[in-house]
């Protein structure tokens, strides 16, 4: 006879496997959290195409609070950036920056539906803690997916069909404290 704890443990394992499969179905950021104001590499994980069709374009929109975006080139993909004027210029290394990267696009591949790949950028994160969302457009040989949904107040990310990849920006002390454990 199985005990209640064995049944509960089995239910948690099955639930865990099921939610991992759901999580793999979205475009996600490898880094779940980072310190406010930090320079951070962000890796966007692409786990599938569009209804079986291979991916040939990944376009990431950069939130206005993020600065200094530098994309990482990928073999087999052409890299382009869209630079736009800033509403509020900032100073970096003694220079006034009045325009910045607002979009990064990789075109090429193709990345077949059966395979997984990663697309990386380096950014300076905002100084203010909170949730940060990156809208991503995934274009395929047939069709496209727009990963742009942002949960409303009190709405779980799990209820969204096409959630924008997100991460938590945490106060500097909180992030250091998290890594000490």
N, C-alpha and C. Protein backbone atom coordinates (compact mmCIF):
# COMPACT_ATOMS: atom_id res chain seq x y z
N UNK A 1 0.84 -1.20 0.00
CA UNK A 1 0.00 0.00 0.00
C UNK A 1 0.87 1.24 0.00
N UNK A 2 0.55 2.20 -0.84
CA UNK A 2 1.33 3.43 -0.90
C UNK A 2 0.89 4.38 0.20
N UNK A 3 1.87 5.04 0.75
CA UNK A 3 1.54 6.02 1.79
C UNK A 3 1.14 7.33 1.11
N UNK A 4 0.52 8.20 1.91
CA UNK A 4 0.11 9.51 1.39
C UNK A 4 1.32 10.28 0.87
N UNK A 5 2.46 10.21 1.59
CA UNK A 5 3.63 10.99 1.17
C UNK A 5 4.18 10.47 -0.17
N UNK A 6 4.12 9.13 -0.41
CA UNK A 6 4.57 8.60 -1.70
C UNK A 6 3.68 9.10 -2.83
N UNK A 7 2.37 9.09 -2.59
CA UNK A 7 1.43 9.56 -3.60
C UNK A 7 1.65 11.05 -3.86
N UNK A 8 1.82 11.83 -2.79
CA UNK A 8 2.07 13.27 -2.93
C UNK A 8 3.36 13.51 -3.70
N UNK A 9 4.41 12.76 -3.35
CA UNK A 9 5.70 12.92 -4.02
C UNK A 9 5.55 12.61 -5.51
N UNK A 10 4.84 11.53 -5.83
CA UNK A 10 4.63 11.15 -7.23
C UNK A 10 3.84 12.24 -7.96
N UNK A 11 2.82 12.78 -7.32
CA UNK A 11 2.01 13.85 -7.92
C UNK A 11 2.88 15.08 -8.19
N UNK A 12 3.78 15.42 -7.26
CA UNK A 12 4.67 16.56 -7.45
C UNK A 12 5.64 16.32 -8.61
N UNK A 13 6.15 15.10 -8.72
CA UNK A 13 7.08 14.77 -9.81
C UNK A 13 6.36 14.91 -11.15
N UNK A 14 5.16 14.32 -11.26
CA UNK A 14 4.38 14.39 -12.50
C UNK A 14 4.07 15.85 -12.83
N UNK A 15 3.63 16.63 -11.82
CA UNK A 15 3.34 18.05 -12.02
C UNK A 15 4.59 18.79 -12.47
N UNK A 16 5.72 18.50 -11.86
CA UNK A 16 6.98 19.13 -12.22
C UNK A 16 7.37 18.86 -13.66
N UNK A 17 7.23 17.61 -14.08
CA UNK A 17 7.55 17.23 -15.46
C UNK A 17 6.60 17.95 -16.42
N UNK A 18 5.31 17.97 -16.09
CA UNK A 18 4.32 18.64 -16.93
C UNK A 18 4.61 20.13 -17.06
N UNK A 19 4.94 20.80 -15.94
CA UNK A 19 5.20 22.24 -16.03
C UNK A 19 6.52 22.54 -16.73
N UNK A 20 7.49 21.62 -16.68
CA UNK A 20 8.73 21.82 -17.43
C UNK A 20 8.42 21.77 -18.93
N UNK A 21 7.53 20.86 -19.33
CA UNK A 21 7.17 20.77 -20.75
C UNK A 21 6.46 22.04 -21.19
N UNK A 22 5.58 22.58 -20.36
CA UNK A 22 4.89 23.82 -20.70
C UNK A 22 5.91 24.96 -20.79
N UNK A 23 6.80 25.05 -19.82
CA UNK A 23 7.80 26.12 -19.82
C UNK A 23 8.68 26.06 -21.06
N UNK A 24 8.99 24.86 -21.52
CA UNK A 24 9.84 24.70 -22.70
C UNK A 24 9.13 25.17 -23.96
N UNK A 25 7.81 25.30 -23.90
CA UNK A 25 7.05 25.69 -25.08
C UNK A 25 7.11 27.20 -25.34
N UNK A 26 7.61 27.98 -24.42
CA UNK A 26 7.70 29.43 -24.58
C UNK A 26 9.14 29.84 -24.84
N UNK A 27 9.33 31.09 -25.29
CA UNK A 27 10.68 31.65 -25.32
C UNK A 27 10.93 32.22 -23.93
N UNK A 28 12.04 31.82 -23.33
CA UNK A 28 12.33 32.24 -21.96
C UNK A 28 13.73 32.85 -21.88
N UNK A 29 13.97 33.58 -20.78
CA UNK A 29 15.30 34.12 -20.50
C UNK A 29 15.95 33.17 -19.50
N UNK A 30 17.18 32.76 -19.80
CA UNK A 30 17.90 31.80 -18.97
C UNK A 30 18.14 32.32 -17.55
N UNK A 31 18.31 33.63 -17.39
CA UNK A 31 18.60 34.22 -16.09
C UNK A 31 17.29 34.69 -15.45
N UNK A 32 16.81 34.02 -14.39
CA UNK A 32 15.51 34.39 -13.81
C UNK A 32 15.56 35.73 -13.06
N UNK A 33 16.75 36.11 -12.56
CA UNK A 33 16.86 37.38 -11.84
C UNK A 33 18.28 37.91 -11.93
N UNK A 34 18.41 39.22 -11.70
CA UNK A 34 19.72 39.87 -11.72
C UNK A 34 19.64 41.14 -10.90
N UNK A 35 20.81 41.64 -10.49
CA UNK A 35 20.87 42.84 -9.67
C UNK A 35 20.54 44.09 -10.46
N UNK A 36 19.83 45.01 -9.81
CA UNK A 36 19.52 46.31 -10.42
C UNK A 36 20.82 47.01 -10.79
N UNK A 37 20.83 47.63 -11.97
CA UNK A 37 21.99 48.40 -12.41
C UNK A 37 23.16 47.57 -12.92
N UNK A 38 23.03 46.24 -12.95
CA UNK A 38 24.14 45.38 -13.34
C UNK A 38 24.27 45.30 -14.86
N UNK A 39 25.50 45.02 -15.32
CA UNK A 39 25.72 44.63 -16.72
C UNK A 39 25.49 43.13 -16.73
N UNK A 40 24.62 42.66 -17.61
CA UNK A 40 24.19 41.27 -17.54
C UNK A 40 24.06 40.67 -18.93
N UNK A 41 24.53 39.43 -19.08
CA UNK A 41 24.27 38.68 -20.31
C UNK A 41 22.89 38.04 -20.15
N UNK A 42 22.03 38.23 -21.14
CA UNK A 42 20.71 37.61 -21.15
C UNK A 42 20.64 36.64 -22.32
N UNK A 43 20.26 35.41 -22.03
CA UNK A 43 20.18 34.38 -23.05
C UNK A 43 18.72 33.99 -23.24
N UNK A 44 18.21 34.20 -24.46
CA UNK A 44 16.84 33.87 -24.81
C UNK A 44 16.83 32.47 -25.42
N UNK A 45 16.05 31.57 -24.80
CA UNK A 45 16.01 30.17 -25.23
C UNK A 45 14.80 29.94 -26.14
N UNK A 46 15.08 29.43 -27.35
CA UNK A 46 14.02 29.16 -28.33
C UNK A 46 13.93 27.64 -28.46
N UNK A 47 12.80 27.08 -28.01
CA UNK A 47 12.68 25.63 -27.93
C UNK A 47 11.84 24.99 -29.02
N UNK A 48 11.23 25.78 -29.90
CA UNK A 48 10.39 25.21 -30.96
C UNK A 48 10.13 26.25 -32.03
N UNK A 49 9.62 25.78 -33.16
CA UNK A 49 9.24 26.67 -34.25
C UNK A 49 7.79 27.07 -34.14
N UNK A 50 7.18 27.40 -35.28
CA UNK A 50 5.78 27.81 -35.34
C UNK A 50 4.96 26.66 -35.92
N UNK A 51 4.24 25.94 -35.07
CA UNK A 51 3.44 24.79 -35.52
C UNK A 51 4.24 23.84 -36.41
N UNK A 52 5.47 23.54 -35.99
CA UNK A 52 6.30 22.59 -36.73
C UNK A 52 7.20 23.21 -37.77
N UNK A 53 6.99 24.48 -38.10
CA UNK A 53 7.79 25.17 -39.12
C UNK A 53 9.06 25.76 -38.49
N UNK A 54 10.17 25.72 -39.24
CA UNK A 54 11.47 26.19 -38.74
C UNK A 54 11.51 27.71 -38.54
N UNK A 55 12.20 28.13 -37.49
CA UNK A 55 12.38 29.55 -37.18
C UNK A 55 13.49 30.13 -38.06
N UNK A 56 13.23 31.33 -38.62
CA UNK A 56 14.28 31.99 -39.39
C UNK A 56 14.49 33.45 -39.00
N UNK A 57 13.70 33.97 -38.05
CA UNK A 57 13.91 35.33 -37.52
C UNK A 57 13.55 35.35 -36.04
N UNK A 58 14.45 35.91 -35.23
CA UNK A 58 14.16 36.20 -33.83
C UNK A 58 14.43 37.69 -33.64
N UNK A 59 13.38 38.43 -33.23
CA UNK A 59 13.52 39.88 -33.01
C UNK A 59 13.16 40.19 -31.56
N UNK A 60 14.10 40.80 -30.83
CA UNK A 60 13.89 41.14 -29.42
C UNK A 60 13.74 42.65 -29.30
N UNK A 61 12.64 43.10 -28.70
CA UNK A 61 12.44 44.52 -28.40
C UNK A 61 13.05 44.81 -27.04
N UNK A 62 13.87 45.86 -26.98
CA UNK A 62 14.57 46.21 -25.74
C UNK A 62 13.74 47.23 -24.96
N UNK A 63 13.39 46.92 -23.69
CA UNK A 63 12.62 47.88 -22.89
C UNK A 63 13.38 49.21 -22.73
N UNK A 64 12.64 50.31 -22.62
CA UNK A 64 13.28 51.63 -22.53
C UNK A 64 14.18 51.78 -21.31
N UNK A 65 13.92 51.01 -20.25
CA UNK A 65 14.74 51.12 -19.03
C UNK A 65 16.08 50.38 -19.14
N UNK A 66 16.27 49.63 -20.23
CA UNK A 66 17.49 48.86 -20.45
C UNK A 66 18.39 49.66 -21.39
N UNK A 67 19.70 49.71 -21.09
CA UNK A 67 20.60 50.49 -21.94
C UNK A 67 21.82 49.68 -22.36
N UNK A 68 22.57 50.23 -23.32
CA UNK A 68 23.84 49.65 -23.74
C UNK A 68 23.77 48.24 -24.30
N UNK A 69 22.70 47.91 -25.00
CA UNK A 69 22.53 46.55 -25.52
C UNK A 69 23.59 46.21 -26.57
N UNK A 70 24.25 45.06 -26.37
CA UNK A 70 25.21 44.53 -27.33
C UNK A 70 24.82 43.09 -27.63
N UNK A 71 24.40 42.82 -28.87
CA UNK A 71 24.02 41.44 -29.21
C UNK A 71 25.24 40.57 -29.50
N UNK A 72 25.09 39.27 -29.29
CA UNK A 72 26.15 38.31 -29.60
C UNK A 72 25.90 37.73 -30.99
N UNK A 73 26.88 37.82 -31.90
CA UNK A 73 26.70 37.23 -33.23
C UNK A 73 26.55 35.71 -33.14
N UNK A 74 25.84 35.14 -34.12
CA UNK A 74 25.66 33.68 -34.21
C UNK A 74 26.02 33.24 -35.61
N UNK A 75 26.78 32.18 -35.72
CA UNK A 75 27.11 31.61 -37.02
C UNK A 75 25.83 31.20 -37.73
N UNK A 76 25.71 31.55 -39.01
CA UNK A 76 24.53 31.19 -39.79
C UNK A 76 23.37 32.16 -39.67
N UNK A 77 23.56 33.24 -38.89
CA UNK A 77 22.50 34.22 -38.68
C UNK A 77 23.06 35.62 -38.95
N UNK A 78 22.29 36.45 -39.66
CA UNK A 78 22.68 37.84 -39.87
C UNK A 78 22.09 38.66 -38.73
N UNK A 79 22.91 39.52 -38.16
CA UNK A 79 22.53 40.30 -36.99
C UNK A 79 22.30 41.75 -37.39
N UNK A 80 21.16 42.32 -37.00
CA UNK A 80 20.90 43.73 -37.22
C UNK A 80 20.36 44.35 -35.94
N UNK A 81 20.62 45.65 -35.77
CA UNK A 81 20.08 46.37 -34.62
C UNK A 81 19.34 47.60 -35.11
N UNK A 82 18.31 47.97 -34.38
CA UNK A 82 17.56 49.18 -34.66
C UNK A 82 17.91 50.17 -33.55
N UNK A 83 18.57 51.27 -33.91
CA UNK A 83 18.98 52.27 -32.92
C UNK A 83 18.04 53.45 -33.03
N UNK A 84 17.52 53.90 -31.88
CA UNK A 84 16.56 55.00 -31.87
C UNK A 84 16.98 56.07 -30.86
N UNK A 85 16.56 57.33 -31.08
CA UNK A 85 16.87 58.39 -30.13
C UNK A 85 16.21 58.11 -28.77
N UNK A 86 16.87 58.51 -27.72
CA UNK A 86 16.34 58.32 -26.36
C UNK A 86 15.57 59.57 -25.94
N UNK A 87 14.49 59.37 -25.20
CA UNK A 87 13.75 60.50 -24.65
C UNK A 87 14.60 61.18 -23.58
N UNK A 88 15.29 60.36 -22.77
CA UNK A 88 16.15 60.88 -21.72
C UNK A 88 17.57 60.35 -21.93
N UNK A 89 18.48 61.19 -22.46
CA UNK A 89 19.87 60.76 -22.62
C UNK A 89 20.50 60.40 -21.27
N UNK A 90 21.53 59.55 -21.30
CA UNK A 90 22.24 59.18 -20.07
C UNK A 90 23.74 59.26 -20.33
N UNK A 91 24.51 59.20 -19.24
CA UNK A 91 25.96 59.27 -19.35
C UNK A 91 26.55 57.90 -19.08
N UNK A 92 27.47 57.47 -19.96
CA UNK A 92 28.16 56.19 -19.79
C UNK A 92 29.63 56.41 -20.08
N UNK A 93 30.48 56.07 -19.13
CA UNK A 93 31.93 56.22 -19.26
C UNK A 93 32.31 57.64 -19.71
N UNK A 94 31.64 58.64 -19.13
CA UNK A 94 31.96 60.03 -19.40
C UNK A 94 31.38 60.59 -20.69
N UNK A 95 30.63 59.79 -21.43
CA UNK A 95 30.02 60.26 -22.69
C UNK A 95 28.51 60.32 -22.54
N UNK A 96 27.90 61.33 -23.15
CA UNK A 96 26.44 61.42 -23.17
C UNK A 96 25.91 60.54 -24.29
N UNK A 97 25.02 59.64 -23.93
CA UNK A 97 24.42 58.72 -24.90
C UNK A 97 23.00 59.23 -25.20
N UNK A 98 22.74 59.59 -26.47
CA UNK A 98 21.43 60.15 -26.82
C UNK A 98 20.59 59.20 -27.68
N UNK A 99 21.20 58.09 -28.15
CA UNK A 99 20.44 57.07 -28.87
C UNK A 99 20.97 55.71 -28.43
N UNK A 100 20.11 54.69 -28.53
CA UNK A 100 20.49 53.36 -28.04
C UNK A 100 19.76 52.28 -28.84
N UNK A 101 20.24 51.05 -28.70
CA UNK A 101 19.62 49.92 -29.39
C UNK A 101 18.24 49.66 -28.78
N UNK A 102 17.21 49.63 -29.64
CA UNK A 102 15.83 49.36 -29.20
C UNK A 102 15.33 48.01 -29.69
N UNK A 103 16.02 47.43 -30.69
CA UNK A 103 15.62 46.14 -31.25
C UNK A 103 16.85 45.40 -31.75
N UNK A 104 16.88 44.08 -31.51
CA UNK A 104 17.95 43.23 -32.03
C UNK A 104 17.27 42.12 -32.83
N UNK A 105 17.76 41.90 -34.07
CA UNK A 105 17.16 40.88 -34.94
C UNK A 105 18.23 39.95 -35.48
N UNK A 106 17.99 38.64 -35.31
CA UNK A 106 18.82 37.61 -35.95
C UNK A 106 17.97 37.04 -37.09
N UNK A 107 18.51 37.02 -38.31
CA UNK A 107 17.81 36.47 -39.48
C UNK A 107 18.69 35.39 -40.08
N UNK A 108 18.11 34.23 -40.37
CA UNK A 108 18.91 33.18 -41.00
C UNK A 108 18.50 31.81 -40.54
N UNK A 109 19.51 31.08 -40.02
CA UNK A 109 19.27 29.71 -39.63
C UNK A 109 19.16 28.85 -40.88
N UNK A 110 18.02 28.17 -41.07
CA UNK A 110 16.88 28.13 -40.16
C UNK A 110 17.11 27.21 -38.97
N UNK A 111 16.34 27.45 -37.92
CA UNK A 111 16.35 26.59 -36.74
C UNK A 111 15.15 25.66 -36.84
N UNK A 112 15.38 24.36 -37.19
CA UNK A 112 14.26 23.42 -37.32
C UNK A 112 13.49 23.28 -36.01
N UNK A 113 12.20 23.00 -36.13
CA UNK A 113 11.32 22.85 -34.98
C UNK A 113 11.83 21.81 -33.99
N UNK A 114 12.50 20.78 -34.47
CA UNK A 114 12.97 19.69 -33.60
C UNK A 114 14.19 20.09 -32.77
N UNK A 115 14.79 21.25 -33.06
CA UNK A 115 15.99 21.68 -32.35
C UNK A 115 15.73 22.88 -31.47
N UNK A 116 16.70 23.14 -30.59
CA UNK A 116 16.63 24.22 -29.61
C UNK A 116 17.87 25.09 -29.81
N UNK A 117 17.77 26.39 -29.58
CA UNK A 117 18.94 27.26 -29.67
C UNK A 117 18.79 28.44 -28.72
N UNK A 118 19.88 29.20 -28.60
CA UNK A 118 19.91 30.35 -27.70
C UNK A 118 20.41 31.58 -28.44
N UNK A 119 19.86 32.74 -28.08
CA UNK A 119 20.24 34.01 -28.66
C UNK A 119 20.59 34.94 -27.49
N UNK A 120 21.79 35.53 -27.50
CA UNK A 120 22.25 36.29 -26.33
C UNK A 120 22.52 37.75 -26.63
N UNK A 121 22.27 38.57 -25.60
CA UNK A 121 22.60 39.99 -25.63
C UNK A 121 23.23 40.34 -24.29
N UNK A 122 24.04 41.41 -24.29
CA UNK A 122 24.54 41.96 -23.03
C UNK A 122 23.88 43.32 -22.87
N UNK A 123 23.41 43.60 -21.66
CA UNK A 123 22.70 44.86 -21.40
C UNK A 123 23.11 45.43 -20.05
N UNK A 124 22.78 46.70 -19.86
CA UNK A 124 22.85 47.30 -18.51
C UNK A 124 21.40 47.36 -18.05
N UNK A 125 21.14 46.69 -16.93
CA UNK A 125 19.79 46.61 -16.40
C UNK A 125 19.41 47.91 -15.70
N UNK A 126 18.10 48.17 -15.57
CA UNK A 126 17.67 49.39 -14.88
C UNK A 126 18.09 49.40 -13.42
N UNK A 127 18.21 50.60 -12.86
CA UNK A 127 18.59 50.74 -11.44
C UNK A 127 17.42 50.43 -10.51
N UNK A 128 16.21 50.42 -11.05
CA UNK A 128 15.01 50.21 -10.24
C UNK A 128 14.60 48.74 -10.24
N UNK A 129 14.46 48.13 -9.06
CA UNK A 129 14.00 46.73 -8.99
C UNK A 129 12.58 46.59 -9.53
N UNK A 130 12.25 45.40 -9.98
CA UNK A 130 10.91 45.11 -10.49
C UNK A 130 10.97 44.03 -11.55
N UNK A 131 9.87 43.82 -12.22
CA UNK A 131 9.76 42.80 -13.27
C UNK A 131 10.10 43.47 -14.60
N UNK A 132 10.89 42.78 -15.42
CA UNK A 132 11.30 43.32 -16.71
C UNK A 132 10.84 42.37 -17.81
N UNK A 133 10.17 42.90 -18.83
CA UNK A 133 9.64 42.09 -19.93
C UNK A 133 10.31 42.47 -21.24
N UNK A 134 10.69 41.46 -22.03
CA UNK A 134 11.27 41.65 -23.35
C UNK A 134 10.31 41.04 -24.36
N UNK A 135 9.72 41.85 -25.23
CA UNK A 135 8.81 41.32 -26.25
C UNK A 135 9.64 40.72 -27.38
N UNK A 136 9.25 39.52 -27.82
CA UNK A 136 10.01 38.80 -28.84
C UNK A 136 9.07 38.39 -29.97
N UNK A 137 9.53 38.64 -31.20
CA UNK A 137 8.81 38.19 -32.39
C UNK A 137 9.60 37.01 -32.97
N UNK A 138 8.91 35.90 -33.17
CA UNK A 138 9.53 34.69 -33.74
C UNK A 138 8.86 34.44 -35.08
N UNK A 139 9.64 34.61 -36.15
CA UNK A 139 9.09 34.39 -37.49
C UNK A 139 9.64 33.07 -38.03
N UNK A 140 8.77 32.33 -38.69
CA UNK A 140 9.14 31.01 -39.19
C UNK A 140 8.93 30.94 -40.70
N UNK A 141 9.37 29.84 -41.29
CA UNK A 141 9.18 29.65 -42.73
C UNK A 141 7.69 29.70 -43.06
N UNK A 142 6.85 29.21 -42.14
CA UNK A 142 5.39 29.32 -42.28
C UNK A 142 4.87 29.86 -40.95
N UNK A 143 4.33 31.06 -40.97
CA UNK A 143 3.72 31.64 -39.77
C UNK A 143 4.70 32.35 -38.86
N UNK A 144 4.17 32.87 -37.76
CA UNK A 144 4.99 33.56 -36.76
C UNK A 144 4.30 33.50 -35.41
N UNK A 145 5.08 33.76 -34.37
CA UNK A 145 4.55 33.81 -33.01
C UNK A 145 5.03 35.12 -32.38
N UNK A 146 4.11 35.83 -31.73
CA UNK A 146 4.47 37.09 -31.07
C UNK A 146 4.43 36.85 -29.55
N UNK A 147 5.60 36.80 -28.93
CA UNK A 147 5.72 36.56 -27.49
C UNK A 147 5.69 37.92 -26.79
N UNK A 148 4.49 38.51 -26.66
CA UNK A 148 4.38 39.90 -26.23
C UNK A 148 3.40 40.12 -25.07
N UNK A 149 2.75 39.06 -24.60
CA UNK A 149 1.74 39.23 -23.55
C UNK A 149 2.39 39.47 -22.19
N UNK A 150 1.90 40.49 -21.51
CA UNK A 150 2.39 40.84 -20.17
C UNK A 150 1.22 40.68 -19.21
N UNK A 151 1.41 39.91 -18.12
CA UNK A 151 0.28 39.68 -17.20
C UNK A 151 -0.21 40.98 -16.56
N UNK A 152 -1.53 41.09 -16.40
CA UNK A 152 -2.13 42.21 -15.68
C UNK A 152 -1.95 41.97 -14.18
N UNK A 153 -2.19 42.97 -13.39
CA UNK A 153 -2.10 42.86 -11.92
C UNK A 153 -2.91 41.67 -11.44
N UNK A 154 -2.26 40.77 -10.70
CA UNK A 154 -2.94 39.61 -10.12
C UNK A 154 -3.12 38.44 -11.09
N UNK A 155 -2.71 38.59 -12.33
CA UNK A 155 -2.85 37.52 -13.32
C UNK A 155 -1.56 36.71 -13.36
N UNK A 156 -1.68 35.39 -13.33
CA UNK A 156 -0.51 34.53 -13.39
C UNK A 156 0.02 34.44 -14.81
N UNK A 157 1.35 34.31 -14.95
CA UNK A 157 1.97 34.18 -16.27
C UNK A 157 1.47 32.93 -16.98
N UNK A 158 1.13 31.89 -16.21
CA UNK A 158 0.66 30.62 -16.76
C UNK A 158 -0.64 30.75 -17.54
N UNK A 159 -1.42 31.80 -17.28
CA UNK A 159 -2.70 31.97 -17.97
C UNK A 159 -2.54 32.64 -19.33
N UNK A 160 -1.31 33.07 -19.66
CA UNK A 160 -1.06 33.72 -20.95
C UNK A 160 -0.67 32.69 -22.00
N UNK A 161 -1.15 32.86 -23.21
CA UNK A 161 -0.83 31.93 -24.30
C UNK A 161 0.55 32.24 -24.89
N UNK A 162 0.88 33.54 -25.03
CA UNK A 162 2.15 33.96 -25.63
C UNK A 162 2.85 34.96 -24.71
N UNK A 163 3.33 34.51 -23.53
CA UNK A 163 3.94 35.45 -22.57
C UNK A 163 5.27 36.00 -23.08
N UNK A 164 5.49 37.30 -22.84
CA UNK A 164 6.78 37.91 -23.14
C UNK A 164 7.80 37.34 -22.14
N UNK A 165 9.02 37.00 -22.60
CA UNK A 165 10.05 36.55 -21.66
C UNK A 165 10.29 37.62 -20.59
N UNK A 166 10.49 37.19 -19.35
CA UNK A 166 10.63 38.16 -18.27
C UNK A 166 11.72 37.72 -17.29
N UNK A 167 12.14 38.68 -16.47
CA UNK A 167 13.09 38.40 -15.39
C UNK A 167 12.83 39.38 -14.26
N UNK A 168 13.31 39.04 -13.08
CA UNK A 168 13.17 39.91 -11.92
C UNK A 168 14.44 40.72 -11.73
N UNK A 169 14.29 42.04 -11.58
CA UNK A 169 15.41 42.91 -11.25
C UNK A 169 15.31 43.11 -9.74
N UNK A 170 16.33 42.68 -9.03
CA UNK A 170 16.29 42.71 -7.56
C UNK A 170 17.29 43.73 -7.02
N UNK A 171 17.00 44.29 -5.82
CA UNK A 171 17.98 45.20 -5.21
C UNK A 171 19.32 44.49 -5.07
N UNK A 172 20.40 45.22 -5.19
CA UNK A 172 21.75 44.65 -5.17
C UNK A 172 21.96 43.74 -3.97
N UNK A 173 21.60 44.16 -2.78
CA UNK A 173 21.83 43.36 -1.56
C UNK A 173 21.04 42.06 -1.58
N UNK A 174 19.79 42.09 -2.08
CA UNK A 174 18.96 40.88 -2.12
C UNK A 174 19.60 39.82 -3.01
N UNK A 175 20.13 40.23 -4.16
CA UNK A 175 20.71 39.26 -5.11
C UNK A 175 21.96 38.63 -4.53
N UNK A 176 22.80 39.44 -3.87
CA UNK A 176 24.01 38.88 -3.25
C UNK A 176 23.62 37.90 -2.14
N UNK A 177 22.58 38.26 -1.40
CA UNK A 177 22.11 37.40 -0.30
C UNK A 177 21.59 36.07 -0.87
N UNK A 178 20.90 36.12 -2.01
CA UNK A 178 20.34 34.90 -2.63
C UNK A 178 21.47 33.95 -3.03
N UNK A 179 22.59 34.48 -3.51
CA UNK A 179 23.67 33.63 -3.99
C UNK A 179 24.55 33.09 -2.86
N UNK A 180 24.43 33.63 -1.66
CA UNK A 180 25.23 33.12 -0.55
C UNK A 180 24.67 31.82 0.00
N UNK A 181 23.40 31.54 -0.27
CA UNK A 181 22.78 30.32 0.29
C UNK A 181 22.99 29.13 -0.59
